């Protein structure tokens, strides 16, 4: 069972002040290709998995933003680490 939930909002400083949506789309593509379970929400994306694996995904997202020309990136991150296991469904099932 996964031991971590991480919600991330990535805010790239785009090269010419252009729309951030294509950059955010690229960050979400990185999450999708990582193979971790995730859900996209209006203001953040939540991932489910192992702590180090999810931090690695976040590192890749930030590095990619710089490769795309961003001067810097703000990553607002919320972490729930529960060694005995946690899933998104554990926290949200009663609302579905």
Protein backbone atom coordinates (compact mmCIF):
# COMPACT_ATOMS: atom_id res chain seq x y z
CA UNK A 1 0.00 0.00 0.00
CA UNK A 2 1.30 3.50 -0.80
CA UNK A 3 2.57 5.47 2.17
CA UNK A 4 2.34 9.03 0.86
CA UNK A 5 -0.07 11.50 -0.68
CA UNK A 6 1.43 14.65 -2.16
CA UNK A 7 -0.52 17.54 -3.61
CA UNK A 8 1.46 19.92 -5.79
CA UNK A 9 0.74 23.23 -7.45
CA UNK A 10 3.54 24.19 -9.81
CA UNK A 11 3.94 27.87 -10.69
CA UNK A 12 6.61 28.38 -13.36
CA UNK A 13 8.01 31.82 -14.15
CA UNK A 14 7.69 31.55 -17.92
CA UNK A 15 10.44 32.92 -20.20
CA UNK A 16 8.46 35.80 -21.71
CA UNK A 17 5.57 36.00 -19.25
CA UNK A 18 3.45 33.78 -21.47
CA UNK A 19 0.49 31.68 -20.35
CA UNK A 20 1.55 29.01 -17.84
CA UNK A 21 -1.05 26.43 -18.95
CA UNK A 22 1.22 24.68 -21.52
CA UNK A 23 3.89 24.44 -18.82
CA UNK A 24 1.43 23.04 -16.30
CA UNK A 25 0.23 20.58 -18.95
CA UNK A 26 3.83 19.42 -19.35
CA UNK A 27 4.19 18.98 -15.59
CA UNK A 28 1.02 16.86 -15.52
CA UNK A 29 2.36 14.82 -18.46
CA UNK A 30 5.44 14.04 -16.38
CA UNK A 31 3.23 12.84 -13.53
CA UNK A 32 1.15 10.71 -15.91
CA UNK A 33 4.22 9.12 -17.48
CA UNK A 34 5.70 8.34 -14.05
CA UNK A 35 3.04 5.69 -13.53
CA UNK A 36 1.92 6.92 -10.11
CA UNK A 37 -1.76 7.22 -9.32
CA UNK A 38 -2.86 10.85 -9.53
CA UNK A 39 -5.86 13.14 -9.75
CA UNK A 40 -5.88 16.58 -11.35
CA UNK A 41 -7.90 19.22 -9.49
CA UNK A 42 -8.48 22.88 -10.40
CA UNK A 43 -5.66 24.28 -8.27
CA UNK A 44 -3.36 21.30 -7.66
CA UNK A 45 -2.67 17.70 -8.57
CA UNK A 46 -2.57 14.94 -5.96
CA UNK A 47 -0.26 11.95 -6.34
CA UNK A 48 -0.26 8.67 -4.43
CA UNK A 49 2.80 6.48 -3.95
CA UNK A 50 6.03 6.06 -2.05
CA UNK A 51 7.62 9.17 -0.54
CA UNK A 52 10.93 9.10 -2.43
CA UNK A 53 9.23 8.19 -5.72
CA UNK A 54 6.88 11.17 -5.48
CA UNK A 55 9.68 13.57 -4.56
CA UNK A 56 11.56 12.30 -7.61
CA UNK A 57 8.55 13.15 -9.81
CA UNK A 58 8.49 16.66 -8.34
CA UNK A 59 12.21 17.09 -9.03
CA UNK A 60 11.68 16.00 -12.65
CA UNK A 61 8.80 18.46 -13.05
CA UNK A 62 10.90 21.37 -11.77
CA UNK A 63 13.89 20.42 -13.91
CA UNK A 64 11.67 20.22 -17.00
CA UNK A 65 10.29 23.72 -16.39
CA UNK A 66 13.86 25.08 -16.42
CA UNK A 67 14.62 23.09 -19.60
CA UNK A 68 11.59 24.78 -21.15
CA UNK A 69 13.11 28.18 -20.39
CA UNK A 70 11.61 29.12 -17.04
CA UNK A 71 13.82 31.32 -14.87
CA UNK A 72 12.48 29.69 -11.71
CA UNK A 73 9.64 27.55 -10.43
CA UNK A 74 7.57 27.70 -7.27
CA UNK A 75 6.25 24.31 -6.16
CA UNK A 76 3.66 24.48 -3.43
CA UNK A 77 3.59 21.02 -1.90
CA UNK A 78 1.45 19.33 0.75
CA UNK A 79 2.62 15.96 2.03
CA UNK A 80 0.81 13.30 4.02
CA UNK A 81 3.30 10.59 4.96
CA UNK A 82 1.78 7.61 6.75
CA UNK A 83 4.21 4.67 7.00
CA UNK A 84 1.44 2.10 7.55
CA UNK A 85 -0.27 3.15 4.32
CA UNK A 86 -2.61 5.79 2.93
CA UNK A 87 -4.61 6.23 -0.27
CA UNK A 88 -6.68 9.02 -1.76
CA UNK A 89 -9.72 6.78 -1.45
CA UNK A 90 -9.12 6.39 2.28
CA UNK A 91 -9.67 10.12 2.68
CA UNK A 92 -12.36 10.76 0.05
CA UNK A 93 -14.47 7.60 -0.38
CA UNK A 94 -17.32 8.87 1.78
CA UNK A 95 -17.74 11.88 -0.55
CA UNK A 96 -18.14 9.84 -3.74
